[in-house]
């Protein structure tokens, strides 16, 4: 009997230790888990979303990070990156239902909407991002809008900054067709070469190309954001059919992107590594164009997933003022902006982690930007 009691006691003690150890392990796992991760385990077949991507451009940073870190899989959607050659082809593919999402550009989306295409802006990618380059001796050339008068200005069609400046110049009473000359070139590299050779006095660049221009001996005179803050650069555009058929998947897409945005803000090392791996660019390049490097380069791009309906409407009106789209178009872009998808994604992130000030702050911004 004594031996049996002793053996029984030992077994009880061993079981208690195992249970205690397992409980500690479980607590550790819970403490190390991402508080913003999807708390459910859905076994349903994931919906596929086809996303148009241009080369290895990293201004779709949140989308790239979400994919690299597996957030789309965790949220239960199947995201496919589809390479597109240019933004015109991309928005055409969205309009035809061959792509679900184009996360680049606002110009093609606004242009198609003005012509009656039923494409819908539902989120943001980048705000601002436009900068003005000059030769070193002209570093202080542009201080005010008046300084654009009489200048020969290099730009290219799918760049928002020069359109914003054109609108501001017109509002200031200048004639953008006679008081200065805007020279349309075929690429950003062509603009860099034209400024270097003195063929134009200044040039508009986007997407961190100012950093590359600096490497070649030119300087960034200023950013368009110095004249007009938070104007839309790239937006996320889909089709009306995709919203009707895949709305839940689009919300999950934005949830994953919001999780990636938090990584971008708070874990630079992980974000830079993911963007460098995707693009093949150096870590220094990624850091410079996405975060800026003090004393070397002041990045112009502002990462933002907010659809920012108010600023998109303003930009649409600027395009009409400049003659970039028909001033008498019957199509009101406000009818082609869906802010509810991003709002639902934000609400879900707040529900998962109510104490996360990032997401509650983004909700405050959302209310202001989309009222």
Protein backbone atom coordinates (compact mmCIF):
# COMPACT_ATOMS: atom_id res chain seq x y z
CA UNK A 1 0.00 0.00 0.00
CA UNK A 2 2.79 2.43 0.87
CA UNK A 3 4.57 1.64 -2.40
CA UNK A 4 1.33 2.18 -4.35
CA UNK A 5 0.67 5.49 -2.62
CA UNK A 6 4.21 6.62 -3.32
CA UNK A 7 3.97 5.70 -7.01
CA UNK A 8 0.57 7.35 -7.28
CA UNK A 9 1.91 10.52 -5.70
CA UNK A 10 4.79 10.61 -8.15
CA UNK A 11 2.42 10.23 -11.12
CA UNK A 12 0.16 12.98 -9.81
CA UNK A 13 3.17 15.25 -9.34
CA UNK A 14 4.44 14.54 -12.86
CA UNK A 15 1.05 15.25 -14.41
CA UNK A 16 0.78 18.49 -12.45
CA UNK A 17 4.22 19.60 -13.69
CA UNK A 18 3.32 18.77 -17.31
CA UNK A 19 0.04 20.68 -17.10
CA UNK A 20 1.77 23.66 -15.47
CA UNK A 21 4.51 23.67 -18.14
CA UNK A 22 1.96 23.45 -20.94
CA UNK A 23 0.01 26.32 -19.42
CA UNK A 24 3.12 28.48 -19.19
CA UNK A 25 3.96 27.62 -22.79
CA UNK A 26 0.48 28.62 -23.90
CA UNK A 27 0.71 31.89 -21.99
CA UNK A 28 4.08 32.62 -23.63
CA UNK A 29 2.60 31.97 -27.05
CA UNK A 30 -0.33 34.25 -26.32
CA UNK A 31 1.99 36.99 -25.09
CA UNK A 32 4.15 36.69 -28.24
CA UNK A 33 1.19 36.57 -30.65
CA UNK A 34 0.40 39.53 -32.90
CA UNK A 35 -2.49 41.31 -31.12
CA UNK A 36 -3.71 42.55 -34.50
CA UNK A 37 -3.83 39.13 -36.15
CA UNK A 38 -7.08 37.54 -37.29
CA UNK A 39 -8.48 35.84 -34.15
CA UNK A 40 -10.58 33.37 -36.16
CA UNK A 41 -9.53 30.24 -38.02
CA UNK A 42 -11.63 30.23 -41.14
CA UNK A 43 -11.47 27.10 -43.25
CA UNK A 44 -13.51 28.38 -46.19
CA UNK A 45 -11.91 28.63 -49.64
CA UNK A 46 -10.15 32.02 -49.83
CA UNK A 47 -11.32 34.55 -52.42
CA UNK A 48 -8.70 35.48 -55.02
CA UNK A 49 -7.79 39.12 -55.58
CA UNK A 50 -5.63 40.04 -58.58
CA UNK A 51 -3.51 43.12 -57.86
CA UNK A 52 -1.70 45.00 -60.62
CA UNK A 53 1.94 45.75 -59.83
CA UNK A 54 4.38 47.87 -61.87
CA UNK A 55 7.82 46.26 -61.98
CA UNK A 56 9.39 46.32 -58.53
CA UNK A 57 8.17 49.79 -57.51
CA UNK A 58 8.01 49.94 -53.70
CA UNK A 59 5.57 52.78 -53.15
CA UNK A 60 2.91 50.11 -52.67
CA UNK A 61 4.89 49.38 -49.50
CA UNK A 62 2.00 48.19 -47.32
CA UNK A 63 0.85 45.73 -49.97
CA UNK A 64 4.38 44.38 -50.42
CA UNK A 65 4.96 44.03 -46.67
CA UNK A 66 1.57 42.35 -46.16
CA UNK A 67 2.43 39.80 -48.84
CA UNK A 68 6.00 39.23 -47.64
CA UNK A 69 4.86 38.68 -44.03
CA UNK A 70 1.96 36.39 -44.97
CA UNK A 71 -0.81 38.68 -43.72
CA UNK A 72 -3.10 38.03 -46.69
CA UNK A 73 -2.99 34.31 -46.03
CA UNK A 74 -3.68 34.92 -42.34
CA UNK A 75 -6.72 37.05 -43.20
CA UNK A 76 -8.06 34.31 -45.48
CA UNK A 77 -7.61 35.82 -48.95
CA UNK A 78 -5.53 34.69 -51.91
CA UNK A 79 -3.69 37.71 -53.35
CA UNK A 80 -2.00 37.36 -56.73
CA UNK A 81 0.40 40.02 -58.00
CA UNK A 82 -0.07 40.57 -61.74
CA UNK A 83 2.63 42.52 -63.59
CA UNK A 84 1.39 45.42 -65.72
CA UNK A 85 3.49 47.45 -68.15
CA UNK A 86 1.91 50.84 -67.41
CA UNK A 87 -0.94 52.48 -65.52
CA UNK A 88 -3.14 52.90 -68.57
CA UNK A 89 -3.06 49.15 -69.15
CA UNK A 90 -3.70 48.62 -65.44
CA UNK A 91 -6.81 50.75 -65.18
CA UNK A 92 -8.10 49.26 -68.45
CA UNK A 93 -7.69 45.77 -66.93
CA UNK A 94 -9.63 46.86 -63.82
CA UNK A 95 -12.39 48.34 -65.97
CA UNK A 96 -12.62 45.08 -67.95
CA UNK A 97 -12.63 42.88 -64.83
CA UNK A 98 -9.23 41.32 -65.56
CA UNK A 99 -7.72 42.90 -62.43
CA UNK A 100 -9.42 43.40 -59.08
CA UNK A 101 -7.17 46.16 -57.75
CA UNK A 102 -4.84 48.81 -59.18
CA UNK A 103 -2.96 50.40 -56.26
CA UNK A 104 -1.06 52.89 -58.45
CA UNK A 105 -1.95 56.29 -59.78
CA UNK A 106 -4.88 58.63 -59.35
CA UNK A 107 -4.65 60.25 -62.79
CA UNK A 108 -5.76 57.15 -64.75
CA UNK A 109 -8.60 56.46 -62.29
CA UNK A 110 -9.86 60.05 -62.47
CA UNK A 111 -9.52 60.08 -66.27
CA UNK A 112 -11.52 56.87 -66.72
CA UNK A 113 -14.18 58.04 -64.28
CA UNK A 114 -14.53 61.35 -66.15
CA UNK A 115 -15.23 59.30 -69.31
CA UNK A 116 -17.92 57.15 -67.68
CA UNK A 117 -16.03 54.01 -66.59
CA UNK A 118 -17.49 52.39 -63.49
CA UNK A 119 -14.24 52.07 -61.55
CA UNK A 120 -14.17 52.95 -57.86
CA UNK A 121 -11.46 54.40 -55.61
CA UNK A 122 -11.62 52.62 -52.24
CA UNK A 123 -8.28 53.23 -50.54
CA UNK A 124 -4.99 55.08 -50.58
CA UNK A 125 -1.38 54.12 -51.22
CA UNK A 126 0.76 57.27 -51.24
CA UNK A 127 0.10 60.95 -50.66
CA UNK A 128 2.34 63.69 -52.05
CA UNK A 129 5.58 62.11 -53.31
CA UNK A 130 6.39 64.80 -55.89
CA UNK A 131 9.63 66.81 -55.88
CA UNK A 132 11.30 69.42 -58.08
CA UNK A 133 14.88 68.90 -59.25
CA UNK A 134 17.37 71.48 -60.52
CA UNK A 135 21.11 71.81 -61.07
CA UNK A 136 23.18 72.70 -57.97
CA UNK A 137 23.62 76.33 -58.99
CA UNK A 138 19.83 76.71 -59.10
CA UNK A 139 19.21 75.09 -55.72
CA UNK A 140 17.27 78.14 -54.46
CA UNK A 141 15.40 78.78 -57.71
CA UNK A 142 11.90 77.89 -56.47
CA UNK A 143 10.78 79.57 -53.26
CA UNK A 144 7.29 80.79 -54.19
CA UNK A 145 4.74 80.17 -56.94
CA UNK A 146 5.89 83.36 -58.64
CA UNK A 147 9.30 81.73 -59.20
CA UNK A 148 7.77 79.37 -61.77
CA UNK A 149 7.10 82.32 -64.07
CA UNK A 150 9.23 82.26 -67.22
CA UNK A 151 10.62 78.79 -66.52
CA UNK A 152 10.88 75.83 -68.86
CA UNK A 153 9.54 72.91 -66.84
CA UNK A 154 10.06 69.19 -67.51
CA UNK A 155 7.23 66.82 -66.55
CA UNK A 156 5.50 63.65 -67.64
CA UNK A 157 1.84 62.81 -67.96
CA UNK A 158 1.33 60.28 -65.14
CA UNK A 159 2.73 62.50 -62.37
CA UNK A 160 0.40 64.34 -60.02
CA UNK A 161 2.72 67.04 -58.67
CA UNK A 162 2.96 69.13 -61.83
CA UNK A 163 -0.84 69.02 -62.16
CA UNK A 164 -1.23 70.29 -58.60
CA UNK A 165 1.22 73.13 -59.27
CA UNK A 166 -0.56 74.02 -62.53
CA UNK A 167 -3.80 74.36 -60.58
CA UNK A 168 -2.17 76.56 -57.96
CA UNK A 169 -0.57 78.76 -60.62
CA UNK A 170 -3.94 79.22 -62.33
CA UNK A 171 -5.59 80.08 -59.03
CA UNK A 172 -2.81 82.64 -58.45
CA UNK A 173 -3.77 84.37 -61.69
CA UNK A 174 -1.03 83.05 -63.97
CA UNK A 175 -1.53 81.70 -67.47
CA UNK A 176 -0.03 78.18 -67.46
CA UNK A 177 0.13 78.16 -71.25
CA UNK A 178 2.01 81.44 -71.65
CA UNK A 179 3.65 82.51 -68.37
CA UNK A 180 5.79 79.34 -68.29
CA UNK A 181 6.36 76.33 -70.51
CA UNK A 182 5.54 72.80 -69.42
CA UNK A 183 7.50 70.30 -71.51
CA UNK A 184 6.04 66.78 -71.53
CA UNK A 185 8.77 64.11 -71.60
CA UNK A 186 8.42 60.35 -71.86
CA UNK A 187 9.94 59.24 -68.53
CA UNK A 188 11.43 60.40 -65.27
CA UNK A 189 14.90 59.49 -66.50
CA UNK A 190 14.35 61.76 -69.50
CA UNK A 191 13.48 64.59 -67.11
CA UNK A 192 16.68 64.01 -65.12
CA UNK A 193 18.73 64.15 -68.33
CA UNK A 194 16.92 67.26 -69.57
CA UNK A 195 17.64 69.13 -66.30
CA UNK A 196 21.29 68.02 -66.34
CA UNK A 197 21.77 69.21 -69.95
CA UNK A 198 20.00 72.52 -69.34
CA UNK A 199 17.19 71.70 -71.76
CA UNK A 200 14.71 72.57 -69.01
CA UNK A 201 15.15 74.77 -65.93
CA UNK A 202 13.55 72.32 -63.54
CA UNK A 203 11.77 68.99 -63.53
CA UNK A 204 9.03 67.22 -61.60
CA UNK A 205 9.82 63.72 -60.32
CA UNK A 206 7.92 61.20 -58.22
CA UNK A 207 8.34 57.94 -56.29
CA UNK A 208 11.72 58.73 -54.75
CA UNK A 209 13.35 59.51 -58.10
CA UNK A 210 14.76 62.66 -56.52
CA UNK A 211 17.13 60.41 -54.59
CA UNK A 212 18.39 58.95 -57.87
CA UNK A 213 18.70 62.45 -59.34
CA UNK A 214 20.79 63.49 -56.35
CA UNK A 215 23.10 60.54 -56.91
CA UNK A 216 23.74 61.90 -60.40
CA UNK A 217 24.69 65.37 -59.16
CA UNK A 218 21.37 67.23 -59.24
CA UNK A 219 19.55 68.62 -56.20
CA UNK A 220 15.97 68.67 -54.93
CA UNK A 221 14.92 72.33 -54.83
CA UNK A 222 11.65 71.68 -53.02
CA UNK A 223 8.69 69.35 -52.72
CA UNK A 224 5.23 69.99 -54.13
CA UNK A 225 3.96 69.24 -50.63
CA UNK A 226 5.56 72.55 -49.59
CA UNK A 227 2.85 74.27 -51.67
CA UNK A 228 -0.07 71.84 -51.19
CA UNK A 229 -0.10 69.24 -48.44
CA UNK A 230 -1.52 65.71 -48.54
CA UNK A 231 -2.60 65.74 -52.18
CA UNK A 232 -3.34 62.25 -53.55
CA UNK A 233 -0.68 60.37 -55.45
CA UNK A 234 -1.50 56.67 -55.78
CA UNK A 235 -4.98 55.41 -54.86
CA UNK A 236 -6.40 51.90 -54.70
CA UNK A 237 -8.97 51.45 -57.46
CA UNK A 238 -11.30 48.54 -58.15
CA UNK A 239 -14.43 47.96 -60.23
CA UNK A 240 -18.05 48.24 -59.14
CA UNK A 241 -18.50 44.55 -59.96
CA UNK A 242 -15.59 43.58 -57.68
CA UNK A 243 -17.13 45.55 -54.81
CA UNK A 244 -20.46 43.80 -55.34
CA UNK A 245 -18.91 40.34 -55.62
CA UNK A 246 -15.80 40.50 -53.42
CA UNK A 247 -16.44 43.21 -50.85
CA UNK A 248 -15.53 41.05 -47.82
CA UNK A 249 -12.24 40.12 -49.50
CA UNK A 250 -11.49 43.80 -50.16
CA UNK A 251 -12.06 44.57 -46.47
CA UNK A 252 -9.67 41.75 -45.53
CA UNK A 253 -7.18 43.14 -48.04
CA UNK A 254 -7.26 46.48 -46.23
CA UNK A 255 -7.02 44.80 -42.82
CA UNK A 256 -3.81 43.05 -43.90
CA UNK A 257 -2.49 46.35 -45.29
CA UNK A 258 -3.23 48.13 -42.01
CA UNK A 259 -1.28 45.46 -40.14
CA UNK A 260 1.58 46.01 -42.58
CA UNK A 261 1.32 49.78 -42.06
CA UNK A 262 1.92 49.31 -38.35
CA UNK A 263 5.05 47.29 -39.17
CA UNK A 264 6.18 50.04 -41.55
CA UNK A 265 5.87 52.64 -38.80
CA UNK A 266 7.22 50.69 -35.84
CA UNK A 267 9.62 48.08 -37.20
CA UNK A 268 11.80 49.75 -39.81
CA UNK A 269 14.24 46.85 -39.99
CA UNK A 270 11.54 44.32 -40.92
CA UNK A 271 9.88 46.72 -43.37
CA UNK A 272 13.13 47.66 -45.10
CA UNK A 273 14.15 44.01 -45.40
CA UNK A 274 10.78 43.05 -46.93
CA UNK A 275 10.88 45.93 -49.43
CA UNK A 276 14.52 45.29 -50.34
CA UNK A 277 13.85 41.57 -50.86
CA UNK A 278 10.90 42.34 -53.12
CA UNK A 279 12.55 45.07 -55.18
CA UNK A 280 16.16 43.95 -55.31
CA UNK A 281 17.16 47.46 -54.23
CA UNK A 282 19.68 48.17 -51.50
CA UNK A 283 18.54 48.71 -47.92
CA UNK A 284 19.95 52.26 -48.12
CA UNK A 285 17.80 53.06 -51.16
CA UNK A 286 14.69 51.70 -49.47
CA UNK A 287 15.39 53.62 -46.28
CA UNK A 288 16.02 56.85 -48.20
CA UNK A 289 12.91 56.85 -50.38
CA UNK A 290 10.50 55.46 -47.76
CA UNK A 291 11.78 57.06 -44.56
CA UNK A 292 14.40 59.61 -45.56
CA UNK A 293 17.97 59.78 -44.28
CA UNK A 294 18.86 62.90 -42.31
CA UNK A 295 21.41 65.04 -44.10
CA UNK A 296 21.24 62.90 -47.24
CA UNK A 297 17.69 62.81 -48.57
CA UNK A 298 14.31 64.10 -47.38
CA UNK A 299 11.71 61.64 -48.67
CA UNK A 300 8.65 63.14 -50.33
CA UNK A 301 6.28 60.14 -50.19
CA UNK A 302 3.79 59.81 -47.35
CA UNK A 303 2.39 56.32 -46.86
CA UNK A 304 -1.38 56.51 -46.36
CA UNK A 305 -4.13 53.91 -46.82
CA UNK A 306 -6.92 56.45 -46.26
CA UNK A 307 -9.00 56.97 -49.43
CA UNK A 308 -9.11 60.70 -48.51
CA UNK A 309 -12.24 61.48 -50.49
CA UNK A 310 -11.95 65.23 -49.95
CA UNK A 311 -8.48 65.49 -51.50
CA UNK A 312 -9.40 63.21 -54.40
CA UNK A 313 -12.36 65.45 -55.21
CA UNK A 314 -10.07 68.50 -55.06
CA UNK A 315 -7.61 66.84 -57.44
CA UNK A 316 -10.40 65.93 -59.87
CA UNK A 317 -11.43 69.58 -59.94
CA UNK A 318 -7.78 70.57 -60.53
CA UNK A 319 -7.61 68.21 -63.51
CA UNK A 320 -10.75 69.86 -64.93
CA UNK A 321 -9.28 73.33 -64.32
CA UNK A 322 -6.05 72.38 -66.11
CA UNK A 323 -7.82 70.81 -69.06
CA UNK A 324 -6.47 67.35 -68.24
CA UNK A 325 -10.04 66.02 -68.33
CA UNK A 326 -13.24 67.47 -69.75
CA UNK A 327 -14.30 70.38 -67.56
CA UNK A 328 -17.93 69.63 -68.46
CA UNK A 329 -17.87 65.92 -67.67
CA UNK A 330 -21.21 64.82 -66.23
CA UNK A 331 -19.52 62.31 -63.95
CA UNK A 332 -19.04 63.37 -60.33
CA UNK A 333 -16.04 61.57 -58.87
CA UNK A 334 -17.68 61.61 -55.43
CA UNK A 335 -20.01 58.91 -56.78
CA UNK A 336 -16.99 56.75 -57.58
CA UNK A 337 -15.29 56.77 -54.18
CA UNK A 338 -16.21 54.08 -51.62
CA UNK A 339 -14.85 54.94 -48.18
CA UNK A 340 -16.75 52.18 -46.34
CA UNK A 341 -14.29 49.37 -47.14
CA UNK A 342 -11.38 51.14 -45.45
CA UNK A 343 -13.66 52.24 -42.60
CA UNK A 344 -14.78 48.64 -41.97
CA UNK A 345 -11.15 47.49 -41.96
CA UNK A 346 -10.23 50.19 -39.45
CA UNK A 347 -13.15 49.26 -37.21
CA UNK A 348 -12.03 45.63 -37.27
CA UNK A 349 -8.47 46.58 -36.27
CA UNK A 350 -9.81 48.70 -33.41
CA UNK A 351 -12.03 45.80 -32.29
CA UNK A 352 -9.06 43.45 -32.24
CA UNK A 353 -6.89 45.80 -30.23
CA UNK A 354 -8.89 48.66 -28.65
CA UNK A 355 -5.83 50.08 -26.90
CA UNK A 356 -3.86 50.55 -30.11
CA UNK A 357 -3.64 54.33 -30.52
CA UNK A 358 -2.44 54.05 -34.11
CA UNK A 359 -5.78 52.75 -35.38
CA UNK A 360 -7.95 55.02 -33.27
CA UNK A 361 -5.87 57.94 -34.54
CA UNK A 362 -6.35 56.78 -38.13
CA UNK A 363 -10.10 56.70 -37.50
CA UNK A 364 -9.97 60.30 -36.32
CA UNK A 365 -8.13 61.22 -39.55
CA UNK A 366 -10.60 59.21 -41.61
CA UNK A 367 -13.55 61.19 -40.27
CA UNK A 368 -11.83 64.46 -41.21
CA UNK A 369 -10.59 63.30 -44.63
CA UNK A 370 -13.84 61.74 -45.80
CA UNK A 371 -16.60 63.91 -44.31
